[in-house]
All heavy atoms as atom14 arrays in JSON, in Angstrom:
{
  "sequence": "GSIFSINAMGWYRQAPEKQRELVASINSRGTNDADSVKGRFIITRYK",
  "atom14_mask": [
    [1, 1, 1, 1, 0, 0, 0, 0, 0, 0, 0, 0, 0, 0],
    [1, 1, 1, 1, 1, 1, 0, 0, 0, 0, 0, 0, 0, 0],
    [1, 1, 1, 1, 1, 1, 1, 1, 0, 0, 0, 0, 0, 0],
    [1, 1, 1, 1, 1, 1, 1, 1, 1, 1, 1, 0, 0, 0],
    [1, 1, 1, 1, 1, 1, 0, 0, 0, 0, 0, 0, 0, 0],
    [1, 1, 1, 1, 1, 1, 1, 1, 0, 0, 0, 0, 0, 0],
    [1, 1, 1, 1, 1, 1, 1, 1, 0, 0, 0, 0, 0, 0],
    [1, 1, 1, 1, 1, 0, 0, 0, 0, 0, 0, 0, 0, 0],
    [1, 1, 1, 1, 1, 1, 1, 1, 0, 0, 0, 0, 0, 0],
    [1, 1, 1, 1, 0, 0, 0, 0, 0, 0, 0, 0, 0, 0],
    [1, 1, 1, 1, 1, 1, 1, 1, 1, 1, 1, 1, 1, 1],
    [1, 1, 1, 1, 1, 1, 1, 1, 1, 1, 1, 1, 0, 0],
    [1, 1, 1, 1, 1, 1, 1, 1, 1, 1, 1, 0, 0, 0],
    [1, 1, 1, 1, 1, 1, 1, 1, 1, 0, 0, 0, 0, 0],
    [1, 1, 1, 1, 1, 0, 0, 0, 0, 0, 0, 0, 0, 0],
    [1, 1, 1, 1, 1, 1, 1, 0, 0, 0, 0, 0, 0, 0],
    [1, 1, 1, 1, 1, 1, 1, 1, 1, 0, 0, 0, 0, 0],
    [1, 1, 1, 1, 1, 1, 1, 1, 1, 0, 0, 0, 0, 0],
    [1, 1, 1, 1, 1, 1, 1, 1, 1, 0, 0, 0, 0, 0],
    [1, 1, 1, 1, 1, 1, 1, 1, 1, 1, 1, 0, 0, 0],
    [1, 1, 1, 1, 1, 1, 1, 1, 1, 0, 0, 0, 0, 0],
    [1, 1, 1, 1, 1, 1, 1, 1, 0, 0, 0, 0, 0, 0],
    [1, 1, 1, 1, 1, 1, 1, 0, 0, 0, 0, 0, 0, 0],
    [1, 1, 1, 1, 1, 0, 0, 0, 0, 0, 0, 0, 0, 0],
    [1, 1, 1, 1, 1, 1, 0, 0, 0, 0, 0, 0, 0, 0],
    [1, 1, 1, 1, 1, 1, 1, 1, 0, 0, 0, 0, 0, 0],
    [1, 1, 1, 1, 1, 1, 1, 1, 0, 0, 0, 0, 0, 0],
    [1, 1, 1, 1, 1, 1, 0, 0, 0, 0, 0, 0, 0, 0],
    [1, 1, 1, 1, 1, 1, 1, 1, 1, 1, 1, 0, 0, 0],
    [1, 1, 1, 1, 0, 0, 0, 0, 0, 0, 0, 0, 0, 0],
    [1, 1, 1, 1, 1, 1, 1, 0, 0, 0, 0, 0, 0, 0],
    [1, 1, 1, 1, 1, 1, 1, 1, 0, 0, 0, 0, 0, 0],
    [1, 1, 1, 1, 1, 1, 1, 1, 0, 0, 0, 0, 0, 0],
    [1, 1, 1, 1, 1, 0, 0, 0, 0, 0, 0, 0, 0, 0],
    [1, 1, 1, 1, 1, 1, 1, 1, 0, 0, 0, 0, 0, 0],
    [1, 1, 1, 1, 1, 1, 0, 0, 0, 0, 0, 0, 0, 0],
    [1, 1, 1, 1, 1, 1, 1, 0, 0, 0, 0, 0, 0, 0],
    [1, 1, 1, 1, 1, 1, 1, 1, 1, 0, 0, 0, 0, 0],
    [1, 1, 1, 1, 0, 0, 0, 0, 0, 0, 0, 0, 0, 0],
    [1, 1, 1, 1, 1, 1, 1, 1, 1, 1, 1, 0, 0, 0],
    [1, 1, 1, 1, 1, 1, 1, 1, 1, 1, 1, 0, 0, 0],
    [1, 1, 1, 1, 1, 1, 1, 1, 0, 0, 0, 0, 0, 0],
    [1, 1, 1, 1, 1, 1, 1, 1, 0, 0, 0, 0, 0, 0],
    [1, 1, 1, 1, 1, 1, 1, 0, 0, 0, 0, 0, 0, 0],
    [1, 1, 1, 1, 1, 1, 1, 1, 1, 1, 1, 0, 0, 0],
    [1, 1, 1, 1, 1, 1, 1, 1, 1, 1, 1, 1, 0, 0],
    [1, 1, 1, 1, 1, 1, 1, 1, 1, 0, 0, 0, 0, 0]
  ],
  "atom14_positions": [
    [[0.82, -1.2, 0.0], [0.0, 0.0, 0.0], [0.85, 1.25, 0.0], [1.98, 1.25, -0.45], [0.0, 0.0, 0.0], [0.0, 0.0, 0.0], [0.0, 0.0, 0.0], [0.0, 0.0, 0.0], [0.0, 0.0, 0.0], [0.0, 0.0, 0.0], [0.0, 0.0, 0.0], [0.0, 0.0, 0.0], [0.0, 0.0, 0.0], [0.0, 0.0, 0.0]],
    [[0.28, 2.31, 0.52], [0.93, 3.62, 0.5], [1.92, 3.74, 1.66], [1.69, 4.48, 2.62], [-0.13, 4.72, 0.56], [0.46, 6.01, 0.43], [0.0, 0.0, 0.0], [0.0, 0.0, 0.0], [0.0, 0.0, 0.0], [0.0, 0.0, 0.0], [0.0, 0.0, 0.0], [0.0, 0.0, 0.0], [0.0, 0.0, 0.0], [0.0, 0.0, 0.0]],
    [[3.04, 3.03, 1.54], [4.02, 2.95, 2.62], [5.22, 3.83, 2.31], [5.85, 3.67, 1.26], [4.48, 1.51, 2.84], [3.3, 0.62, 3.23], [5.57, 1.45, 3.92], [3.64, -0.85, 3.26], [0.0, 0.0, 0.0], [0.0, 0.0, 0.0], [0.0, 0.0, 0.0], [0.0, 0.0, 0.0], [0.0, 0.0, 0.0], [0.0, 0.0, 0.0]],
    [[5.54, 4.7, 3.23], [6.79, 5.45, 3.17], [7.89, 4.72, 3.93], [9.01, 4.59, 3.45], [6.61, 6.87, 3.71], [7.88, 7.67, 3.73], [8.36, 8.25, 2.57], [8.61, 7.84, 4.89], [9.53, 8.99, 2.57], [9.78, 8.58, 4.91], [10.25, 9.16, 3.74], [0.0, 0.0, 0.0], [0.0, 0.0, 0.0], [0.0, 0.0, 0.0]],
    [[7.55, 4.24, 5.11], [8.5, 3.49, 5.9], [7.75, 2.63, 6.91], [6.64, 2.95, 7.31], [9.48, 4.41, 6.64], [8.83, 5.19, 7.61], [0.0, 0.0, 0.0], [0.0, 0.0, 0.0], [0.0, 0.0, 0.0], [0.0, 0.0, 0.0], [0.0, 0.0, 0.0], [0.0, 0.0, 0.0], [0.0, 0.0, 0.0], [0.0, 0.0, 0.0]],
    [[8.39, 1.53, 7.29], [7.9, 0.69, 8.37], [8.91, 0.77, 9.5], [10.08, 0.46, 9.31], [7.69, -0.76, 7.92], [6.56, -0.83, 6.91], [7.41, -1.66, 9.12], [6.31, -2.22, 6.36], [0.0, 0.0, 0.0], [0.0, 0.0, 0.0], [0.0, 0.0, 0.0], [0.0, 0.0, 0.0], [0.0, 0.0, 0.0], [0.0, 0.0, 0.0]],
    [[8.47, 1.17, 10.66], [9.35, 1.36, 11.8], [9.44, 0.13, 12.69], [10.47, -0.09, 13.34], [8.91, 2.56, 12.63], [8.87, 3.84, 11.82], [7.82, 4.48, 11.68], [10.02, 4.21, 11.27], [0.0, 0.0, 0.0], [0.0, 0.0, 0.0], [0.0, 0.0, 0.0], [0.0, 0.0, 0.0], [0.0, 0.0, 0.0], [0.0, 0.0, 0.0]],
    [[8.39, -0.65, 12.72], [8.39, -1.84, 13.55], [7.36, -2.82, 13.04], [6.32, -2.43, 12.49], [8.1, -1.49, 15.01], [0.0, 0.0, 0.0], [0.0, 0.0, 0.0], [0.0, 0.0, 0.0], [0.0, 0.0, 0.0], [0.0, 0.0, 0.0], [0.0, 0.0, 0.0], [0.0, 0.0, 0.0], [0.0, 0.0, 0.0], [0.0, 0.0, 0.0]],
    [[7.64, -4.09, 13.22], [6.68, -5.14, 12.92], [6.67, -6.11, 14.08], [7.67, -6.27, 14.78], [7.01, -5.86, 11.62], [7.0, -4.95, 10.4], [7.17, -5.82, 8.82], [5.52, -6.53, 8.65], [0.0, 0.0, 0.0], [0.0, 0.0, 0.0], [0.0, 0.0, 0.0], [0.0, 0.0, 0.0], [0.0, 0.0, 0.0], [0.0, 0.0, 0.0]],
    [[5.54, -6.75, 14.27], [5.43, -7.69, 15.37], [4.43, -8.78, 15.08], [3.62, -8.69, 14.16], [0.0, 0.0, 0.0], [0.0, 0.0, 0.0], [0.0, 0.0, 0.0], [0.0, 0.0, 0.0], [0.0, 0.0, 0.0], [0.0, 0.0, 0.0], [0.0, 0.0, 0.0], [0.0, 0.0, 0.0], [0.0, 0.0, 0.0], [0.0, 0.0, 0.0]],
    [[4.52, -9.82, 15.88], [3.6, -10.94, 15.81], [2.87, -11.07, 17.14], [3.5, -11.02, 18.21], [4.33, -12.25, 15.49], [4.84, -12.32, 14.09], [6.08, -11.99, 13.64], [4.11, -12.77, 12.95], [6.17, -12.2, 12.29], [4.98, -12.68, 11.84], [2.82, -13.24, 12.74], [4.59, -13.05, 10.55], [2.43, -13.6, 11.46], [3.31, -13.5, 10.38]],
    [[1.57, -11.25, 17.06], [0.71, -11.47, 18.21], [-0.02, -12.78, 18.02], [-0.12, -13.3, 16.91], [-0.3, -10.34, 18.38], [0.29, -8.99, 18.7], [0.97, -8.26, 17.74], [0.14, -8.44, 19.97], [1.51, -7.01, 18.03], [0.67, -7.19, 20.27], [1.35, -6.48, 19.29], [1.87, -5.25, 19.58], [0.0, 0.0, 0.0], [0.0, 0.0, 0.0]],
    [[-0.56, -13.31, 19.11], [-1.38, -14.51, 18.99], [-2.53, -14.44, 19.99], [-2.44, -13.79, 21.03], [-0.57, -15.79, 19.19], [-0.04, -15.99, 20.61], [0.85, -17.21, 20.66], [1.37, -17.46, 21.99], [2.28, -18.37, 22.28], [2.79, -19.14, 21.31], [2.7, -18.53, 23.53], [0.0, 0.0, 0.0], [0.0, 0.0, 0.0], [0.0, 0.0, 0.0]],
    [[-3.6, -15.12, 19.64], [-4.76, -15.19, 20.49], [-5.32, -16.61, 20.46], [-5.79, -17.08, 19.43], [-5.83, -14.19, 20.06], [-7.0, -14.09, 21.03], [-7.85, -12.86, 20.79], [-7.8, -12.26, 19.72], [-8.63, -12.48, 21.79], [0.0, 0.0, 0.0], [0.0, 0.0, 0.0], [0.0, 0.0, 0.0], [0.0, 0.0, 0.0], [0.0, 0.0, 0.0]],
    [[-5.24, -17.27, 21.6], [-5.78, -18.61, 21.75], [-7.25, -18.51, 22.16], [-7.69, -17.47, 22.67], [-4.98, -19.39, 22.78], [0.0, 0.0, 0.0], [0.0, 0.0, 0.0], [0.0, 0.0, 0.0], [0.0, 0.0, 0.0], [0.0, 0.0, 0.0], [0.0, 0.0, 0.0], [0.0, 0.0, 0.0], [0.0, 0.0, 0.0], [0.0, 0.0, 0.0]],
    [[-8.02, -19.58, 21.95], [-9.43, -19.55, 22.36], [-9.59, -19.18, 23.83], [-8.88, -19.7, 24.69], [-9.9, -20.98, 22.1], [-9.01, -21.46, 21.0], [-7.67, -20.85, 21.29], [0.0, 0.0, 0.0], [0.0, 0.0, 0.0], [0.0, 0.0, 0.0], [0.0, 0.0, 0.0], [0.0, 0.0, 0.0], [0.0, 0.0, 0.0], [0.0, 0.0, 0.0]],
    [[-10.48, -18.26, 24.09], [-10.78, -17.8, 25.45], [-9.58, -17.19, 26.15], [-9.54, -17.13, 27.38], [-11.36, -18.95, 26.28], [-12.63, -19.54, 25.69], [-13.21, -20.64, 26.53], [-12.5, -21.19, 27.39], [-14.4, -20.97, 26.34], [0.0, 0.0, 0.0], [0.0, 0.0, 0.0], [0.0, 0.0, 0.0], [0.0, 0.0, 0.0], [0.0, 0.0, 0.0]],
    [[-8.6, -16.72, 25.38], [-7.44, -16.05, 25.93], [-7.31, -14.65, 25.33], [-7.84, -14.38, 24.25], [-6.15, -16.84, 25.65], [-6.13, -18.24, 26.21], [-6.03, -18.23, 27.73], [-5.86, -19.65, 28.25], [-5.74, -19.67, 29.73], [0.0, 0.0, 0.0], [0.0, 0.0, 0.0], [0.0, 0.0, 0.0], [0.0, 0.0, 0.0], [0.0, 0.0, 0.0]],
    [[-6.62, -13.78, 26.02], [-6.35, -12.45, 25.51], [-5.24, -12.49, 24.46], [-4.37, -13.35, 24.5], [-5.97, -11.5, 26.64], [-7.08, -11.21, 27.63], [-6.69, -10.18, 28.66], [-5.51, -10.03, 28.98], [-7.67, -9.46, 29.18], [0.0, 0.0, 0.0], [0.0, 0.0, 0.0], [0.0, 0.0, 0.0], [0.0, 0.0, 0.0], [0.0, 0.0, 0.0]],
    [[-5.29, -11.55, 23.54], [-4.23, -11.44, 22.56], [-2.93, -11.02, 23.24], [-2.93, -10.12, 24.08], [-4.61, -10.44, 21.47], [-3.64, -10.4, 20.3], [-4.16, -9.52, 19.17], [-5.41, -10.02, 18.63], [-6.0, -9.51, 17.56], [-5.46, -8.5, 16.9], [-7.15, -10.03, 17.13], [0.0, 0.0, 0.0], [0.0, 0.0, 0.0], [0.0, 0.0, 0.0]],
    [[-1.84, -11.67, 22.86], [-0.56, -11.37, 23.49], [0.52, -11.15, 22.43], [0.48, -11.75, 21.36], [-0.13, -12.51, 24.43], [0.11, -13.84, 23.73], [0.63, -14.92, 24.67], [1.06, -14.59, 25.79], [0.62, -16.1, 24.27], [0.0, 0.0, 0.0], [0.0, 0.0, 0.0], [0.0, 0.0, 0.0], [0.0, 0.0, 0.0], [0.0, 0.0, 0.0]],
    [[1.47, -10.32, 22.78], [2.62, -10.09, 21.91], [3.55, -11.28, 21.98], [3.93, -11.73, 23.07], [3.35, -8.82, 22.34], [4.64, -8.49, 21.58], [4.34, -8.18, 20.12], [5.36, -7.31, 22.23], [0.0, 0.0, 0.0], [0.0, 0.0, 0.0], [0.0, 0.0, 0.0], [0.0, 0.0, 0.0], [0.0, 0.0, 0.0], [0.0, 0.0, 0.0]],
    [[3.95, -11.78, 20.82], [4.86, -12.91, 20.73], [6.29, -12.44, 20.47], [7.23, -12.85, 21.16], [4.42, -13.89, 19.63], [5.43, -15.02, 19.47], [3.04, -14.45, 19.94], [0.0, 0.0, 0.0], [0.0, 0.0, 0.0], [0.0, 0.0, 0.0], [0.0, 0.0, 0.0], [0.0, 0.0, 0.0], [0.0, 0.0, 0.0], [0.0, 0.0, 0.0]],
    [[6.46, -11.6, 19.47], [7.79, -11.11, 19.1], [7.64, -9.84, 18.29], [6.64, -9.66, 17.59], [8.57, -12.16, 18.31], [0.0, 0.0, 0.0], [0.0, 0.0, 0.0], [0.0, 0.0, 0.0], [0.0, 0.0, 0.0], [0.0, 0.0, 0.0], [0.0, 0.0, 0.0], [0.0, 0.0, 0.0], [0.0, 0.0, 0.0], [0.0, 0.0, 0.0]],
    [[8.65, -8.99, 18.35], [8.64, -7.75, 17.58], [10.05, -7.44, 17.11], [11.04, -7.93, 17.67], [8.08, -6.59, 18.4], [8.87, -6.34, 19.54], [0.0, 0.0, 0.0], [0.0, 0.0, 0.0], [0.0, 0.0, 0.0], [0.0, 0.0, 0.0], [0.0, 0.0, 0.0], [0.0, 0.0, 0.0], [0.0, 0.0, 0.0], [0.0, 0.0, 0.0]],
    [[10.12, -6.6, 16.07], [11.42, -6.22, 15.52], [11.36, -4.76, 15.11], [10.39, -4.3, 14.5], [11.82, -7.13, 14.34], [13.23, -6.79, 13.86], [10.81, -7.05, 13.21], [13.8, -7.85, 12.92], [0.0, 0.0, 0.0], [0.0, 0.0, 0.0], [0.0, 0.0, 0.0], [0.0, 0.0, 0.0], [0.0, 0.0, 0.0], [0.0, 0.0, 0.0]],
    [[12.4, -4.02, 15.46], [12.54, -2.63, 15.05], [14.01, -2.34, 14.83], [14.83, -3.25, 14.77], [11.9, -1.68, 16.06], [12.49, -1.81, 17.45], [13.63, -2.21, 17.63], [11.69, -1.46, 18.46], [0.0, 0.0, 0.0], [0.0, 0.0, 0.0], [0.0, 0.0, 0.0], [0.0, 0.0, 0.0], [0.0, 0.0, 0.0], [0.0, 0.0, 0.0]],
    [[14.36, -1.06, 14.72], [15.74, -0.7, 14.44], [16.69, -1.08, 15.57], [17.89, -1.21, 15.34], [15.84, 0.8, 14.16], [15.44, 1.56, 15.28], [0.0, 0.0, 0.0], [0.0, 0.0, 0.0], [0.0, 0.0, 0.0], [0.0, 0.0, 0.0], [0.0, 0.0, 0.0], [0.0, 0.0, 0.0], [0.0, 0.0, 0.0], [0.0, 0.0, 0.0]],
    [[16.17, -1.25, 16.77], [17.01, -1.62, 17.91], [17.3, -3.11, 17.96], [18.27, -3.53, 18.6], [16.35, -1.19, 19.21], [16.13, 0.3, 19.36], [15.46, 0.61, 20.69], [15.18, 2.02, 20.85], [14.58, 2.55, 21.91], [14.2, 1.75, 22.91], [14.34, 3.84, 21.97], [0.0, 0.0, 0.0], [0.0, 0.0, 0.0], [0.0, 0.0, 0.0]],
    [[16.47, -3.9, 17.34], [16.63, -5.34, 17.4], [15.31, -6.04, 17.58], [14.27, -5.55, 17.13], [0.0, 0.0, 0.0], [0.0, 0.0, 0.0], [0.0, 0.0, 0.0], [0.0, 0.0, 0.0], [0.0, 0.0, 0.0], [0.0, 0.0, 0.0], [0.0, 0.0, 0.0], [0.0, 0.0, 0.0], [0.0, 0.0, 0.0], [0.0, 0.0, 0.0]],
    [[15.34, -7.17, 18.25], [14.15, -7.99, 18.43], [13.81, -8.15, 19.9], [14.66, -8.0, 20.78], [14.33, -9.38, 17.8], [15.42, -10.05, 18.44], [14.63, -9.26, 16.32], [0.0, 0.0, 0.0], [0.0, 0.0, 0.0], [0.0, 0.0, 0.0], [0.0, 0.0, 0.0], [0.0, 0.0, 0.0], [0.0, 0.0, 0.0], [0.0, 0.0, 0.0]],
    [[12.56, -8.47, 20.14], [12.09, -8.75, 21.48], [11.14, -9.93, 21.42], [10.26, -9.98, 20.55], [11.37, -7.53, 22.06], [10.91, -7.76, 23.48], [11.71, -8.07, 24.35], [9.62, -7.6, 23.73], [0.0, 0.0, 0.0], [0.0, 0.0, 0.0], [0.0, 0.0, 0.0], [0.0, 0.0, 0.0], [0.0, 0.0, 0.0], [0.0, 0.0, 0.0]],
    [[11.33, -10.89, 22.3], [10.53, -12.11, 22.32], [9.84, -12.26, 23.67], [10.4, -11.93, 24.71], [11.38, -13.35, 22.09], [12.16, -13.31, 20.8], [11.63, -12.79, 19.79], [13.3, -13.82, 20.78], [0.0, 0.0, 0.0], [0.0, 0.0, 0.0], [0.0, 0.0, 0.0], [0.0, 0.0, 0.0], [0.0, 0.0, 0.0], [0.0, 0.0, 0.0]],
    [[8.63, -12.78, 23.63], [7.95, -13.13, 24.86], [8.68, -14.27, 25.55], [9.29, -15.12, 24.89], [6.5, -13.52, 24.58], [0.0, 0.0, 0.0], [0.0, 0.0, 0.0], [0.0, 0.0, 0.0], [0.0, 0.0, 0.0], [0.0, 0.0, 0.0], [0.0, 0.0, 0.0], [0.0, 0.0, 0.0], [0.0, 0.0, 0.0], [0.0, 0.0, 0.0]],
    [[8.62, -14.3, 26.87], [9.31, -15.35, 27.62], [8.86, -16.75, 27.2], [9.66, -17.69, 27.18], [9.09, -15.18, 29.12], [9.84, -13.99, 29.68], [10.79, -13.51, 29.04], [9.47, -13.53, 30.78], [0.0, 0.0, 0.0], [0.0, 0.0, 0.0], [0.0, 0.0, 0.0], [0.0, 0.0, 0.0], [0.0, 0.0, 0.0], [0.0, 0.0, 0.0]],
    [[7.6, -16.89, 26.84], [7.05, -18.19, 26.51], [7.62, -18.77, 25.22], [7.51, -19.97, 24.99], [5.53, -18.11, 26.41], [5.13, -17.2, 25.4], [0.0, 0.0, 0.0], [0.0, 0.0, 0.0], [0.0, 0.0, 0.0], [0.0, 0.0, 0.0], [0.0, 0.0, 0.0], [0.0, 0.0, 0.0], [0.0, 0.0, 0.0], [0.0, 0.0, 0.0]],
    [[8.23, -17.93, 24.38], [8.74, -18.41, 23.09], [10.23, -18.2, 22.94], [10.79, -18.59, 21.89], [8.0, -17.75, 21.91], [6.5, -17.94, 22.04], [8.35, -16.27, 21.79], [0.0, 0.0, 0.0], [0.0, 0.0, 0.0], [0.0, 0.0, 0.0], [0.0, 0.0, 0.0], [0.0, 0.0, 0.0], [0.0, 0.0, 0.0], [0.0, 0.0, 0.0]],
    [[10.89, -17.63, 23.93], [12.33, -17.41, 23.84], [13.07, -18.71, 23.58], [12.82, -19.73, 24.21], [12.86, -16.76, 25.13], [12.66, -15.26, 25.19], [13.36, -14.68, 26.41], [13.18, -13.17, 26.49], [13.76, -12.47, 25.34], [0.0, 0.0, 0.0], [0.0, 0.0, 0.0], [0.0, 0.0, 0.0], [0.0, 0.0, 0.0], [0.0, 0.0, 0.0]],
    [[14.0, -18.65, 22.64], [14.77, -19.82, 22.28], [14.09, -20.72, 21.28], [14.72, -21.67, 20.79], [0.0, 0.0, 0.0], [0.0, 0.0, 0.0], [0.0, 0.0, 0.0], [0.0, 0.0, 0.0], [0.0, 0.0, 0.0], [0.0, 0.0, 0.0], [0.0, 0.0, 0.0], [0.0, 0.0, 0.0], [0.0, 0.0, 0.0], [0.0, 0.0, 0.0]],
    [[12.83, -20.47, 20.97], [12.08, -21.31, 20.03], [11.63, -20.55, 18.78], [11.64, -21.11, 17.7], [10.87, -21.92, 20.72], [11.21, -22.8, 21.91], [9.99, -23.56, 22.41], [8.94, -22.67, 22.89], [7.71, -22.61, 22.37], [7.38, -23.4, 21.35], [6.81, -21.78, 22.88], [0.0, 0.0, 0.0], [0.0, 0.0, 0.0], [0.0, 0.0, 0.0]],
    [[11.21, -19.31, 18.95], [10.71, -18.51, 17.83], [11.72, -17.44, 17.46], [12.4, -16.87, 18.32], [9.4, -17.82, 18.19], [8.22, -18.73, 18.39], [8.35, -20.11, 18.4], [6.95, -18.18, 18.55], [7.26, -20.94, 18.58], [5.85, -19.0, 18.73], [6.0, -20.37, 18.75], [0.0, 0.0, 0.0], [0.0, 0.0, 0.0], [0.0, 0.0, 0.0]],
    [[11.8, -17.14, 16.17], [12.71, -16.11, 15.66], [11.94, -15.21, 14.71], [11.36, -15.68, 13.74], [13.92, -16.72, 14.94], [14.68, -17.68, 15.86], [14.85, -15.62, 14.44], [15.73, -18.5, 15.14], [0.0, 0.0, 0.0], [0.0, 0.0, 0.0], [0.0, 0.0, 0.0], [0.0, 0.0, 0.0], [0.0, 0.0, 0.0], [0.0, 0.0, 0.0]],
    [[11.96, -13.91, 14.97], [11.35, -12.94, 14.07], [12.44, -12.32, 13.21], [13.51, -11.96, 13.71], [10.55, -11.87, 14.84], [9.82, -10.95, 13.86], [11.45, -11.08, 15.78], [8.85, -9.99, 14.53], [0.0, 0.0, 0.0], [0.0, 0.0, 0.0], [0.0, 0.0, 0.0], [0.0, 0.0, 0.0], [0.0, 0.0, 0.0], [0.0, 0.0, 0.0]],
    [[12.18, -12.21, 11.92], [13.11, -11.59, 11.0], [12.37, -10.69, 10.03], [11.14, -10.77, 9.9], [13.91, -12.63, 10.19], [13.0, -13.47, 9.46], [14.77, -13.49, 11.1], [0.0, 0.0, 0.0], [0.0, 0.0, 0.0], [0.0, 0.0, 0.0], [0.0, 0.0, 0.0], [0.0, 0.0, 0.0], [0.0, 0.0, 0.0], [0.0, 0.0, 0.0]],
    [[13.11, -9.82, 9.36], [12.55, -8.97, 8.34], [13.46, -9.04, 7.11], [14.67, -8.83, 7.22], [12.42, -7.53, 8.84], [11.77, -6.59, 7.85], [11.57, -5.22, 8.47], [11.15, -4.24, 7.48], [10.99, -2.96, 7.73], [11.21, -2.49, 8.95], [10.6, -2.14, 6.75], [0.0, 0.0, 0.0], [0.0, 0.0, 0.0], [0.0, 0.0, 0.0]],
    [[12.86, -9.34, 5.97], [13.64, -9.52, 4.77], [14.16, -8.19, 4.26], [13.42, -7.2, 4.21], [12.8, -10.21, 3.69], [13.59, -10.71, 2.52], [14.27, -11.92, 2.58], [13.66, -9.98, 1.34], [15.0, -12.39, 1.51], [14.38, -10.43, 0.26], [15.06, -11.65, 0.35], [15.77, -12.1, -0.72], [0.0, 0.0, 0.0], [0.0, 0.0, 0.0]],
    [[15.42, -8.15, 3.87], [16.04, -6.92, 3.4], [15.34, -6.39, 2.15], [15.05, -7.14, 1.22], [17.52, -7.17, 3.1], [18.3, -5.92, 2.7], [19.71, -6.26, 2.29], [20.51, -6.88, 3.39], [21.91, -7.12, 2.99], [0.0, 0.0, 0.0], [0.0, 0.0, 0.0], [0.0, 0.0, 0.0], [0.0, 0.0, 0.0], [0.0, 0.0, 0.0]]
  ]
}
């Protein structure tokens, strides 16, 4: 779409009868992972 820049992207998840939670995010500083997925999930952004 009409994108000038993307500053951050992230992944969230929502299980049945659960609240939506942040799983992982990536920005210019690096990445951040939820404790529940650390060591198992990796977020990347294609150049």
